[in-house]
C-alpha atoms as a PDB file:
ATOM      1  CA  UNK A   1      -2.541   0.843 -45.898  1.00  0.00           C
ATOM      2  CA  UNK A   2      -1.018   0.112 -42.319  1.00  0.00           C
ATOM      3  CA  UNK A   3      -1.066   3.718 -41.577  1.00  0.00           C
ATOM      4  CA  UNK A   4      -2.293   4.781 -38.006  1.00  0.00           C
ATOM      5  CA  UNK A   5      -3.618   7.927 -36.502  1.00  0.00           C
ATOM      6  CA  UNK A   6      -0.649   8.272 -34.103  1.00  0.00           C
ATOM      7  CA  UNK A   7       1.692   9.268 -37.260  1.00  0.00           C
ATOM      8  CA  UNK A   8       2.679  12.859 -37.689  1.00  0.00           C
ATOM      9  CA  UNK A   9       1.059  13.711 -40.965  1.00  0.00           C
ATOM     10  CA  UNK A  10       3.165  17.058 -41.217  1.00  0.00           C
ATOM     11  CA  UNK A  11       6.332  14.929 -40.909  1.00  0.00           C
ATOM     12  CA  UNK A  12       5.321  12.469 -43.510  1.00  0.00           C
ATOM     13  CA  UNK A  13       4.362  15.245 -45.982  1.00  0.00           C
ATOM     14  CA  UNK A  14       7.931  16.662 -45.474  1.00  0.00           C
ATOM     15  CA  UNK A  15       9.405  12.979 -45.940  1.00  0.00           C
ATOM     16  CA  UNK A  16       7.310  12.174 -49.087  1.00  0.00           C
ATOM     17  CA  UNK A  17       7.955  15.693 -50.674  1.00  0.00           C
ATOM     18  CA  UNK A  18      11.704  15.055 -50.240  1.00  0.00           C
ATOM     19  CA  UNK A  19      11.425  11.615 -51.785  1.00  0.00           C
ATOM     20  CA  UNK A  20       9.380  12.703 -54.954  1.00  0.00           C
ATOM     21  CA  UNK A  21      10.912  16.261 -55.296  1.00  0.00           C
ATOM     22  CA  UNK A  22       7.431  17.579 -55.588  1.00  0.00           C
ATOM     23  CA  UNK A  23       5.163  19.151 -53.058  1.00  0.00           C
ATOM     24  CA  UNK A  24       2.699  16.608 -51.730  1.00  0.00           C
ATOM     25  CA  UNK A  25       0.454  16.708 -48.615  1.00  0.00           C
ATOM     26  CA  UNK A  26      -0.541  13.941 -46.095  1.00  0.00           C
ATOM     27  CA  UNK A  27      -3.866  13.856 -44.377  1.00  0.00           C
ATOM     28  CA  UNK A  28      -5.743  11.477 -41.965  1.00  0.00           C
ATOM     29  CA  UNK A  29      -9.141  11.133 -43.942  1.00  0.00           C
ATOM     30  CA  UNK A  30     -12.033   8.471 -44.382  1.00  0.00           C
ATOM     31  CA  UNK A  31     -11.536   5.982 -47.254  1.00  0.00           C
ATOM     32  CA  UNK A  32     -14.333   6.272 -49.831  1.00  0.00           C
ATOM     33  CA  UNK A  33     -15.484   3.187 -51.455  1.00  0.00           C
ATOM     34  CA  UNK A  34     -18.163   4.516 -53.756  1.00  0.00           C
ATOM     35  CA  UNK A  35     -17.837   6.797 -56.926  1.00  0.00           C
ATOM     36  CA  UNK A  36     -21.400   8.303 -56.665  1.00  0.00           C
ATOM     37  CA  UNK A  37     -22.071  11.811 -55.179  1.00  0.00           C
ATOM     38  CA  UNK A  38     -25.704  11.088 -54.214  1.00  0.00           C
ATOM     39  CA  UNK A  39     -26.544  11.030 -50.564  1.00  0.00           C
ATOM     40  CA  UNK A  40     -27.455   7.607 -49.376  1.00  0.00           C
ATOM     41  CA  UNK A  41     -30.076   6.982 -46.535  1.00  0.00           C
ATOM     42  CA  UNK A  42     -28.741   6.858 -43.187  1.00  0.00           C
ATOM     43  CA  UNK A  43     -28.639   3.453 -41.494  1.00  0.00           C
ATOM     44  CA  UNK A  44     -30.094   2.891 -38.233  1.00  0.00           C
ATOM     45  CA  UNK A  45     -26.676   2.345 -36.598  1.00  0.00           C
ATOM     46  CA  UNK A  46     -24.054   3.910 -38.874  1.00  0.00           C
ATOM     47  CA  UNK A  47     -20.998   2.053 -39.097  1.00  0.00           C
ATOM     48  CA  UNK A  48     -17.710   3.814 -37.880  1.00  0.00           C
ATOM     49  CA  UNK A  49     -15.842   5.140 -41.037  1.00  0.00           C
ATOM     50  CA  UNK A  50     -12.554   3.597 -41.876  1.00  0.00           C
ATOM     51  CA  UNK A  51      -9.690   6.162 -42.305  1.00  0.00           C
ATOM     52  CA  UNK A  52      -6.023   6.147 -43.567  1.00  0.00           C
ATOM     53  CA  UNK A  53      -3.331   8.492 -44.504  1.00  0.00           C
ATOM     54  CA  UNK A  54      -4.238  10.076 -47.877  1.00  0.00           C
ATOM     55  CA  UNK A  55      -1.601  11.577 -50.070  1.00  0.00           C
ATOM     56  CA  UNK A  56      -2.647  14.806 -51.932  1.00  0.00           C
ATOM     57  CA  UNK A  57      -0.699  16.371 -54.868  1.00  0.00           C
ATOM     58  CA  UNK A  58      -1.388  18.513 -58.020  1.00  0.00           C
ATOM     59  CA  UNK A  59      -3.651  16.699 -60.274  1.00  0.00           C
ATOM     60  CA  UNK A  60      -1.353  16.731 -63.380  1.00  0.00           C
ATOM     61  CA  UNK A  61       1.363  15.070 -61.376  1.00  0.00           C
ATOM     62  CA  UNK A  62      -0.472  12.506 -59.500  1.00  0.00           C
ATOM     63  CA  UNK A  63       0.383   9.505 -61.736  1.00  0.00           C
ATOM     64  CA  UNK A  64       4.005  10.309 -61.707  1.00  0.00           C
ATOM     65  CA  UNK A  65       4.239  10.856 -58.011  1.00  0.00           C
ATOM     66  CA  UNK A  66       2.337   7.339 -57.465  1.00  0.00           C
ATOM     67  CA  UNK A  67       4.796   5.618 -59.564  1.00  0.00           C
ATOM     68  CA  UNK A  68       7.683   7.246 -57.833  1.00  0.00           C
ATOM     69  CA  UNK A  69       6.493   6.362 -54.414  1.00  0.00           C
ATOM     70  CA  UNK A  70       5.751   2.700 -55.537  1.00  0.00           C
ATOM     71  CA  UNK A  71       9.549   2.145 -55.370  1.00  0.00           C
ATOM     72  CA  UNK A  72       9.194   2.417 -51.545  1.00  0.00           C
ATOM     73  CA  UNK A  73       5.718   1.418 -50.893  1.00  0.00           C
ATOM     74  CA  UNK A  74       4.664  -1.373 -53.237  1.00  0.00           C
ATOM     75  CA  UNK A  75       4.342  -4.957 -52.137  1.00  0.00           C
ATOM     76  CA  UNK A  76       7.744  -5.545 -53.335  1.00  0.00           C
ATOM     77  CA  UNK A  77       9.350  -3.257 -50.765  1.00  0.00           C
ATOM     78  CA  UNK A  78      11.241  -4.671 -47.897  1.00  0.00           C
ATOM     79  CA  UNK A  79      12.744  -1.529 -46.549  1.00  0.00           C
ATOM     80  CA  UNK A  80      11.023   1.656 -45.977  1.00  0.00           C
ATOM     81  CA  UNK A  81      12.138   5.262 -45.891  1.00  0.00           C
ATOM     82  CA  UNK A  82      11.526   5.957 -42.272  1.00  0.00           C
ATOM     83  CA  UNK A  83      11.360   2.358 -41.083  1.00  0.00           C
ATOM     84  CA  UNK A  84       7.418   2.140 -41.041  1.00  0.00           C
ATOM     85  CA  UNK A  85       5.773  -0.360 -43.186  1.00  0.00           C
ATOM     86  CA  UNK A  86       3.012   0.935 -45.304  1.00  0.00           C
ATOM     87  CA  UNK A  87       1.547   0.120 -48.697  1.00  0.00           C
ATOM     88  CA  UNK A  88       0.380   2.531 -51.406  1.00  0.00           C
ATOM     89  CA  UNK A  89      -3.132   1.630 -52.342  1.00  0.00           C
ATOM     90  CA  UNK A  90      -4.718   3.554 -55.342  1.00  0.00           C
ATOM     91  CA  UNK A  91      -8.030   5.402 -54.631  1.00  0.00           C
ATOM     92  CA  UNK A  92     -11.253   3.577 -55.424  1.00  0.00           C
ATOM     93  CA  UNK A  93     -12.431   5.786 -58.088  1.00  0.00           C
ATOM     94  CA  UNK A  94      -9.395   4.773 -60.312  1.00  0.00           C
ATOM     95  CA  UNK A  95     -10.376   1.051 -60.148  1.00  0.00           C
ATOM     96  CA  UNK A  96     -12.450  -0.057 -63.135  1.00  0.00           C
ATOM     97  CA  UNK A  97     -12.616  -3.719 -62.893  1.00  0.00           C
ATOM     98  CA  UNK A  98     -15.467  -5.041 -60.636  1.00  0.00           C
ATOM     99  CA  UNK A  99     -13.472  -8.166 -59.323  1.00  0.00           C
ATOM    100  CA  UNK A 100     -10.638  -5.673 -58.263  1.00  0.00           C
ATOM    101  CA  UNK A 101     -13.129  -3.547 -56.455  1.00  0.00           C
ATOM    102  CA  UNK A 102     -14.110  -6.676 -54.279  1.00  0.00           C
ATOM    103  CA  UNK A 103     -10.409  -6.973 -53.341  1.00  0.00           C
ATOM    104  CA  UNK A 104     -10.281  -3.327 -52.369  1.00  0.00           C
ATOM    105  CA  UNK A 105     -13.230  -3.909 -49.855  1.00  0.00           C
ATOM    106  CA  UNK A 106     -10.912  -6.767 -48.278  1.00  0.00           C
ATOM    107  CA  UNK A 107      -7.962  -4.196 -47.986  1.00  0.00           C
ATOM    108  CA  UNK A 108     -10.290  -1.742 -46.442  1.00  0.00           C
ATOM    109  CA  UNK A 109     -11.450  -4.269 -43.792  1.00  0.00           C
ATOM    110  CA  UNK A 110      -7.728  -4.899 -43.006  1.00  0.00           C
ATOM    111  CA  UNK A 111      -7.039  -1.196 -42.528  1.00  0.00           C
ATOM    112  CA  UNK A 112     -10.107  -0.972 -40.224  1.00  0.00           C
ATOM    113  CA  UNK A 113      -8.846  -3.939 -38.078  1.00  0.00           C
ATOM    114  CA  UNK A 114      -5.363  -2.163 -37.798  1.00  0.00           C
ATOM    115  CA  UNK A 115      -7.033   0.929 -36.712  1.00  0.00           C
ATOM    116  CA  UNK A 116      -9.327  -0.535 -33.940  1.00  0.00           C
ATOM    117  CA  UNK A 117      -6.763  -3.187 -32.504  1.00  0.00           C
ATOM    118  CA  UNK A 118      -3.188  -1.762 -32.745  1.00  0.00           C
ATOM    119  CA  UNK A 119      -1.788  -1.102 -29.340  1.00  0.00           C
ATOM    120  CA  UNK A 120       0.033   2.030 -28.399  1.00  0.00           C
ATOM    121  CA  UNK A 121       2.235   3.665 -25.502  1.00  0.00           C
ATOM    122  CA  UNK A 122       3.461   7.002 -24.620  1.00  0.00           C
ATOM    123  CA  UNK A 123       6.768   8.069 -23.177  1.00  0.00           C
ATOM    124  CA  UNK A 124       7.754  11.435 -21.915  1.00  0.00           C
ATOM    125  CA  UNK A 125      11.171  10.752 -20.829  1.00  0.00           C
ATOM    126  CA  UNK A 126      12.736  12.926 -23.747  1.00  0.00           C
ATOM    127  CA  UNK A 127      13.659  16.580 -23.324  1.00  0.00           C
ATOM    128  CA  UNK A 128      11.992  17.096 -26.814  1.00  0.00           C
ATOM    129  CA  UNK A 129      10.583  14.998 -29.356  1.00  0.00           C
ATOM    130  CA  UNK A 130      12.029  16.864 -32.413  1.00  0.00           C
ATOM    131  CA  UNK A 131      15.256  14.907 -31.948  1.00  0.00           C
ATOM    132  CA  UNK A 132      13.751  11.737 -33.498  1.00  0.00           C
ATOM    133  CA  UNK A 133      15.313  12.324 -37.121  1.00  0.00           C
ATOM    134  CA  UNK A 134      18.600  13.877 -35.810  1.00  0.00           C
ATOM    135  CA  UNK A 135      21.346  11.480 -37.008  1.00  0.00           C
ATOM    136  CA  UNK A 136      24.322  10.407 -34.774  1.00  0.00           C
ATOM    137  CA  UNK A 137      27.617  11.814 -36.016  1.00  0.00           C
ATOM    138  CA  UNK A 138      29.476   8.523 -36.259  1.00  0.00           C
ATOM    139  CA  UNK A 139      26.788   6.168 -37.561  1.00  0.00           C
ATOM    140  CA  UNK A 140      24.254   8.625 -39.138  1.00  0.00           C
ATOM    141  CA  UNK A 141      21.589   6.583 -37.521  1.00  0.00           C
ATOM    142  CA  UNK A 142      18.612   8.414 -36.117  1.00  0.00           C
ATOM    143  CA  UNK A 143      16.690   7.783 -32.876  1.00  0.00           C
ATOM    144  CA  UNK A 144      13.632   6.855 -35.108  1.00  0.00           C
ATOM    145  CA  UNK A 145      15.367   4.300 -37.164  1.00  0.00           C
ATOM    146  CA  UNK A 146      16.937   2.720 -33.989  1.00  0.00           C
ATOM    147  CA  UNK A 147      13.580   2.533 -32.198  1.00  0.00           C
ATOM    148  CA  UNK A 148      12.060   0.998 -35.125  1.00  0.00           C
ATOM    149  CA  UNK A 149      14.980  -1.549 -35.347  1.00  0.00           C
ATOM    150  CA  UNK A 150      14.399  -3.246 -31.981  1.00  0.00           C
ATOM    151  CA  UNK A 151      13.264  -6.670 -32.755  1.00  0.00           C
ATOM    152  CA  UNK A 152      10.251  -8.368 -31.581  1.00  0.00           C
ATOM    153  CA  UNK A 153      10.573 -11.175 -28.925  1.00  0.00           C
ATOM    154  CA  UNK A 154       7.666 -13.005 -30.428  1.00  0.00           C
ATOM    155  CA  UNK A 155       8.339 -12.385 -34.133  1.00  0.00           C
ATOM    156  CA  UNK A 156      12.388 -11.947 -34.368  1.00  0.00           C
ATOM    157  CA  UNK A 157      12.146 -10.997 -38.008  1.00  0.00           C
ATOM    158  CA  UNK A 158      10.041  -7.985 -37.500  1.00  0.00           C
ATOM    159  CA  UNK A 159      10.309  -4.894 -35.327  1.00  0.00           C
ATOM    160  CA  UNK A 160       8.850  -4.392 -31.994  1.00  0.00           C
ATOM    161  CA  UNK A 161       7.230  -1.078 -32.831  1.00  0.00           C
ATOM    162  CA  UNK A 162       5.251  -0.192 -35.967  1.00  0.00           C
ATOM    163  CA  UNK A 163       5.446   3.499 -35.695  1.00  0.00           C
ATOM    164  CA  UNK A 164       7.111   6.117 -33.513  1.00  0.00           C
ATOM    165  CA  UNK A 165       6.045   9.580 -33.814  1.00  0.00           C
ATOM    166  CA  UNK A 166       5.863  12.738 -31.367  1.00  0.00           C
ATOM    167  CA  UNK A 167       2.549  12.779 -29.285  1.00  0.00           C
ATOM    168  CA  UNK A 168      -0.223  14.892 -30.328  1.00  0.00           C
ATOM    169  CA  UNK A 169       0.244  18.506 -29.051  1.00  0.00           C
ATOM    170  CA  UNK A 170       3.153  17.698 -27.050  1.00  0.00           C
ATOM    171  CA  UNK A 171       6.730  18.849 -27.214  1.00  0.00           C
ATOM    172  CA  UNK A 172       8.419  15.884 -25.207  1.00  0.00           C
ATOM    173  CA  UNK A 173       6.064  12.890 -25.705  1.00  0.00           C
ATOM    174  CA  UNK A 174       6.555  10.041 -28.129  1.00  0.00           C
ATOM    175  CA  UNK A 175       3.618   7.614 -29.191  1.00  0.00           C
ATOM    176  CA  UNK A 176       4.698   4.116 -29.888  1.00  0.00           C
ATOM    177  CA  UNK A 177       2.415   1.814 -31.760  1.00  0.00           C
ATOM    178  CA  UNK A 178       2.746  -1.938 -32.057  1.00  0.00           C
ATOM    179  CA  UNK A 179       1.186  -5.292 -32.793  1.00  0.00           C
ATOM    180  CA  UNK A 180      -1.352  -6.316 -29.887  1.00  0.00           C
ATOM    181  CA  UNK A 181       0.658  -9.636 -29.385  1.00  0.00           C
ATOM    182  CA  UNK A 182       3.576  -7.411 -28.730  1.00  0.00           C
ATOM    183  CA  UNK A 183       1.792  -5.493 -26.185  1.00  0.00           C
ATOM    184  CA  UNK A 184       3.667  -6.986 -22.899  1.00  0.00           C
ATOM    185  CA  UNK A 185       7.156  -6.442 -24.255  1.00  0.00           C
ATOM    186  CA  UNK A 186       6.466  -3.258 -25.962  1.00  0.00           C
ATOM    187  CA  UNK A 187       5.243  -1.703 -22.798  1.00  0.00           C
ATOM    188  CA  UNK A 188       8.286  -3.089 -20.871  1.00  0.00           C
ATOM    189  CA  UNK A 189      10.636  -1.296 -23.175  1.00  0.00           C
ATOM    190  CA  UNK A 190       8.703   1.910 -23.334  1.00  0.00           C
ATOM    191  CA  UNK A 191       8.568   1.985 -19.342  1.00  0.00           C
ATOM    192  CA  UNK A 192      12.277   1.319 -19.182  1.00  0.00           C
ATOM    193  CA  UNK A 193      13.480   2.973 -22.333  1.00  0.00           C
ATOM    194  CA  UNK A 194      16.289   4.841 -20.826  1.00  0.00           C
ATOM    195  CA  UNK A 195      17.665   1.669 -19.225  1.00  0.00           C
ATOM    196  CA  UNK A 196      17.239  -0.234 -22.413  1.00  0.00           C
ATOM    197  CA  UNK A 197      18.924   2.122 -24.614  1.00  0.00           C
ATOM    198  CA  UNK A 198      21.693   2.788 -22.016  1.00  0.00           C
ATOM    199  CA  UNK A 199      22.478  -1.280 -22.537  1.00  0.00           C
ATOM    200  CA  UNK A 200      22.277  -1.491 -26.216  1.00  0.00           C
ATOM    201  CA  UNK A 201      22.035   1.797 -27.991  1.00  0.00           C
ATOM    202  CA  UNK A 202      24.478   4.253 -29.012  1.00  0.00           C
ATOM    203  CA  UNK A 203      25.629   6.241 -26.081  1.00  0.00           C
ATOM    204  CA  UNK A 204      25.230   9.475 -28.121  1.00  0.00           C
ATOM    205  CA  UNK A 205      21.398   8.970 -27.839  1.00  0.00           C
ATOM    206  CA  UNK A 206      21.594   9.327 -23.904  1.00  0.00           C
ATOM    207  CA  UNK A 207      22.016  13.159 -24.266  1.00  0.00           C
ATOM    208  CA  UNK A 208      18.184  13.282 -25.494  1.00  0.00           C
ATOM    209  CA  UNK A 209      16.805  12.252 -22.123  1.00  0.00           C
ATOM    210  CA  UNK A 210      15.607  14.701 -19.596  1.00  0.00           C
ATOM    211  CA  UNK A 211      17.896  15.147 -16.512  1.00  0.00           C
ATOM    212  CA  UNK A 212      15.224  14.114 -14.013  1.00  0.00           C
ATOM    213  CA  UNK A 213      14.885  10.758 -15.669  1.00  0.00           C
ATOM    214  CA  UNK A 214      18.554  10.241 -15.873  1.00  0.00           C
ATOM    215  CA  UNK A 215      18.675  10.917 -12.100  1.00  0.00           C
ATOM    216  CA  UNK A 216      15.747   8.620 -11.309  1.00  0.00           C
ATOM    217  CA  UNK A 217      17.067   5.686 -13.163  1.00  0.00           C
ATOM    218  CA  UNK A 218      20.742   6.229 -12.296  1.00  0.00           C
ATOM    219  CA  UNK A 219      20.844   2.847 -10.229  1.00  0.00           C
ATOM    220  CA  UNK A 220      18.324   1.049 -12.530  1.00  0.00           C
ATOM    221  CA  UNK A 221      19.269  -1.606 -14.957  1.00  0.00           C
ATOM    222  CA  UNK A 222      17.784  -3.679 -17.728  1.00  0.00           C
ATOM    223  CA  UNK A 223      17.296  -7.302 -16.884  1.00  0.00           C
ATOM    224  CA  UNK A 224      17.329  -9.105 -20.417  1.00  0.00           C
ATOM    225  CA  UNK A 225      16.181 -12.227 -18.724  1.00  0.00           C
ATOM    226  CA  UNK A 226      12.887 -10.875 -17.269  1.00  0.00           C
ATOM    227  CA  UNK A 227      12.805  -8.538 -20.024  1.00  0.00           C
ATOM    228  CA  UNK A 228      12.074  -5.408 -17.496  1.00  0.00           C
ATOM    229  CA  UNK A 229      13.964  -2.723 -15.488  1.00  0.00           C
ATOM    230  CA  UNK A 230      15.375  -3.736 -12.072  1.00  0.00           C
ATOM    231  CA  UNK A 231      15.009  -0.699  -9.908  1.00  0.00           C
ATOM    232  CA  UNK A 232      15.928  -0.018  -6.212  1.00  0.00           C
ATOM    233  CA  UNK A 233      12.292   0.007  -5.437  1.00  0.00           C
ATOM    234  CA  UNK A 234      11.621  -3.452  -6.920  1.00  0.00           C
ATOM    235  CA  UNK A 235      14.659  -4.890  -5.209  1.00  0.00           C
ATOM    236  CA  UNK A 236      13.274  -3.471  -1.784  1.00  0.00           C
ATOM    237  CA  UNK A 237       9.783  -5.005  -2.370  1.00  0.00           C
ATOM    238  CA  UNK A 238      11.388  -8.345  -3.211  1.00  0.00           C
ATOM    239  CA  UNK A 239      13.482  -8.236  -0.019  1.00  0.00           C
ATOM    240  CA  UNK A 240      10.188  -7.278   2.002  1.00  0.00           C
ATOM    241  CA  UNK A 241       8.587 -10.581   0.684  1.00  0.00           C
ATOM    242  CA  UNK A 242      11.589 -12.655   1.282  1.00  0.00           C
ATOM    243  CA  UNK A 243      12.133 -11.863   5.050  1.00  0.00           C
ATOM    244  CA  UNK A 244       9.846 -11.998   8.037  1.00  0.00           C
ATOM    245  CA  UNK A 245       8.557 -15.432   7.342  1.00  0.00           C
ATOM    246  CA  UNK A 246       7.128 -15.793  10.837  1.00  0.00           C
ATOM    247  CA  UNK A 247       4.842 -13.098  10.186  1.00  0.00           C
ATOM    248  CA  UNK A 248       3.433 -14.311   6.831  1.00  0.00           C
ATOM    249  CA  UNK A 249      -0.003 -15.319   8.058  1.00  0.00           C
ATOM    250  CA  UNK A 250      -1.008 -15.327   4.443  1.00  0.00           C
ATOM    251  CA  UNK A 251       1.124 -18.435   3.642  1.00  0.00           C
ATOM    252  CA  UNK A 252      -1.256 -21.598   3.660  1.00  0.00           C
ATOM    253  CA  UNK A 253       1.665 -23.535   5.174  1.00  0.00           C
ATOM    254  CA  UNK A 254       2.221 -21.415   8.020  1.00  0.00           C
ATOM    255  CA  UNK A 255       3.760 -24.029  10.627  1.00  0.00           C
ATOM    256  CA  UNK A 256       3.254 -21.942  13.756  1.00  0.00           C
ATOM    257  CA  UNK A 257      -0.398 -21.919  13.591  1.00  0.00           C
ATOM    258  CA  UNK A 258      -2.036 -24.796  15.689  1.00  0.00           C
ATOM    259  CA  UNK A 259      -5.179 -26.093  14.181  1.00  0.00           C
ATOM    260  CA  UNK A 260      -7.717 -26.519  16.902  1.00  0.00           C
ATOM    261  CA  UNK A 261     -10.354 -29.398  16.712  1.00  0.00           C
ATOM    262  CA  UNK A 262     -13.213 -26.932  16.511  1.00  0.00           C
ATOM    263  CA  UNK A 263     -11.965 -23.359  15.518  1.00  0.00           C
ATOM    264  CA  UNK A 264     -15.393 -21.807  16.315  1.00  0.00           C
ATOM    265  CA  UNK A 265     -15.262 -22.978  19.883  1.00  0.00           C
ATOM    266  CA  UNK A 266     -11.532 -22.510  20.562  1.00  0.00           C
ATOM    267  CA  UNK A 267     -10.274 -19.079  21.722  1.00  0.00           C
ATOM    268  CA  UNK A 268      -7.811 -17.064  19.231  1.00  0.00           C
ATOM    269  CA  UNK A 269      -5.245 -17.530  21.950  1.00  0.00           C
ATOM    270  CA  UNK A 270      -5.113 -21.184  21.516  1.00  0.00           C
ATOM    271  CA  UNK A 271      -5.251 -20.958  17.648  1.00  0.00           C
ATOM    272  CA  UNK A 272      -2.140 -18.726  17.651  1.00  0.00           C
ATOM    273  CA  UNK A 273      -0.608 -19.825  20.732  1.00  0.00           C
ATOM    274  CA  UNK A 274       2.772 -20.962  19.312  1.00  0.00           C
ATOM    275  CA  UNK A 275       3.343 -17.608  17.881  1.00  0.00           C
ATOM    276  CA  UNK A 276       3.683 -15.979  21.226  1.00  0.00           C
ATOM    277  CA  UNK A 277       4.518 -19.210  23.068  1.00  0.00           C
ATOM    278  CA  UNK A 278       7.438 -19.043  25.528  1.00  0.00           C
ATOM    279  CA  UNK A 279      10.713 -21.067  24.259  1.00  0.00           C
ATOM    280  CA  UNK A 280      11.321 -22.504  27.772  1.00  0.00           C
ATOM    281  CA  UNK A 281       9.319 -25.505  28.870  1.00  0.00           C
ATOM    282  CA  UNK A 282       8.254 -23.490  32.076  1.00  0.00           C
ATOM    283  CA  UNK A 283       4.578 -22.502  31.485  1.00  0.00           C
ATOM    284  CA  UNK A 284       4.769 -19.535  33.881  1.00  0.00           C
ATOM    285  CA  UNK A 285       6.534 -17.202  31.645  1.00  0.00           C
ATOM    286  CA  UNK A 286       6.032 -14.354  34.326  1.00  0.00           C
ATOM    287  CA  UNK A 287       8.720 -16.051  36.741  1.00  0.00           C
ATOM    288  CA  UNK A 288      11.037 -17.467  34.012  1.00  0.00           C
ATOM    289  CA  UNK A 289      10.993 -15.111  31.125  1.00  0.00           C
ATOM    290  CA  UNK A 290      12.409 -16.729  27.888  1.00  0.00           C
ATOM    291  CA  UNK A 291      15.563 -15.631  26.333  1.00  0.00           C
ATOM    292  CA  UNK A 292      15.074 -12.961  23.779  1.00  0.00           C
ATOM    293  CA  UNK A 293      15.857 -13.536  20.249  1.00  0.00           C
ATOM    294  CA  UNK A 294      18.586 -11.332  19.009  1.00  0.00           C
ATOM    295  CA  UNK A 295      16.905 -11.124  15.730  1.00  0.00           C
ATOM    296  CA  UNK A 296      13.471 -10.088  17.100  1.00  0.00           C
ATOM    297  CA  UNK A 297      12.170  -6.533  17.150  1.00  0.00           C
ATOM    298  CA  UNK A 298      12.733  -4.793  20.617  1.00  0.00           C
ATOM    299  CA  UNK A 299      10.654  -1.982  21.799  1.00  0.00           C
ATOM    300  CA  UNK A 300      12.147   1.437  22.037  1.00  0.00           C
ATOM    301  CA  UNK A 301      13.227   2.499  25.593  1.00  0.00           C
ATOM    302  CA  UNK A 302      13.416   6.163  24.590  1.00  0.00           C
ATOM    303  CA  UNK A 303       9.612   6.474  23.587  1.00  0.00           C
ATOM    304  CA  UNK A 304       7.043   6.632  26.530  1.00  0.00           C
ATOM    305  CA  UNK A 305       3.382   6.611  25.263  1.00  0.00           C
ATOM    306  CA  UNK A 306       1.294   9.261  26.766  1.00  0.00           C
ATOM    307  CA  UNK A 307      -2.255   8.214  27.895  1.00  0.00           C
ATOM    308  CA  UNK A 308      -4.865  10.728  26.714  1.00  0.00           C
ATOM    309  CA  UNK A 309      -7.594  11.158  29.473  1.00  0.00           C
ATOM    310  CA  UNK A 310     -11.203  10.979  28.518  1.00  0.00           C
ATOM    311  CA  UNK A 311     -13.379  13.892  28.900  1.00  0.00           C
ATOM    312  CA  UNK A 312     -16.572  14.357  30.622  1.00  0.00           C
ATOM    313  CA  UNK A 313     -19.241  16.025  28.784  1.00  0.00           C
ATOM    314  CA  UNK A 314     -22.107  17.952  30.480  1.00  0.00           C
ATOM    315  CA  UNK A 315     -25.517  18.745  29.319  1.00  0.00           C
ATOM    316  CA  UNK A 316     -27.039  22.012  29.674  1.00  0.00           C
ATOM    317  CA  UNK A 317     -30.316  22.312  31.739  1.00  0.00           C
ATOM    318  CA  UNK A 318     -32.554  25.124  32.778  1.00  0.00           C
ATOM    319  CA  UNK A 319     -31.708  27.057  35.827  1.00  0.00           C
ATOM    320  CA  UNK A 320     -34.631  25.623  37.926  1.00  0.00           C
ATOM    321  CA  UNK A 321     -33.594  22.039  37.206  1.00  0.00           C
ATOM    322  CA  UNK A 322     -30.694  20.007  38.524  1.00  0.00           C
ATOM    323  CA  UNK A 323     -27.553  19.504  36.639  1.00  0.00           C
ATOM    324  CA  UNK A 324     -26.726  15.905  36.082  1.00  0.00           C
ATOM    325  CA  UNK A 325     -23.628  14.169  34.558  1.00  0.00           C
ATOM    326  CA  UNK A 326     -23.971  12.852  31.055  1.00  0.00           C
ATOM    327  CA  UNK A 327     -22.584   9.383  29.868  1.00  0.00           C
ATOM    328  CA  UNK A 328     -18.906   9.342  29.484  1.00  0.00           C
ATOM    329  CA  UNK A 329     -17.800   9.532  26.074  1.00  0.00           C
ATOM    330  CA  UNK A 330     -16.090   6.426  24.895  1.00  0.00           C
END
């Protein structure tokens, strides 16, 4: 239970085999909730099957492997081998008490909700995704264990991400899954993962990022207050919004717009008269031009626009008729 389709089944099989010291397999399969082999009549709208990660092993070693894995994946487990919380649920066919079968159906419904509502995000900033389980020389901490140890902003006692695995059919991508209520903060971390880890993680992990992303985020910084990355582009956009207030016609409190008594009858020059009004009291601006503002934008004196002449078009007429000039193209 709590397994997701985003997890790498091959990696999980290798991990569980090392834990139980037996060869086991892991496969994403549909959960069976019946012990009959007869074919049931197909409903009008068949429900979507509920799936989970299934552990497969030799039939004569199933019970021993299940008891061994219960040390890490039972209800009393608080820590997990790779940091991913999962619970080992026995197969439906092994349950004989009818009341327990009703509880089993409730667990299947919970797994269905996890599969349909869990959030996910992709990250392609690493040079290779096979470095997730490589431990750091000094702390022996892996990149996976660090990413799964990032605390949630809403639930401080739980991690931000539920699973971290390599993306399907990708050599560089990572797939992060998370609780839906962590979606805003989780997407922010994934979008600025390099800056976040440069601020808080072991510097040894920075060598795993691709060079192009290191150059792209060279001047970017992680902002813990806004919980996002402060980039040069974002700073430039903020400056654009803060300057040139006289041209902010979208501001409802635009003070330089004169409201006419009847805007439908008043010309546009009267409504926006103050925007281009001469600063001098003299109304004849052509005689006494106003003093130019040093902060205003001046036209370039090195550029002279060239007027494009209009071309006349003629119509073709028979030889025995009089040629006439057509209308000038606008």
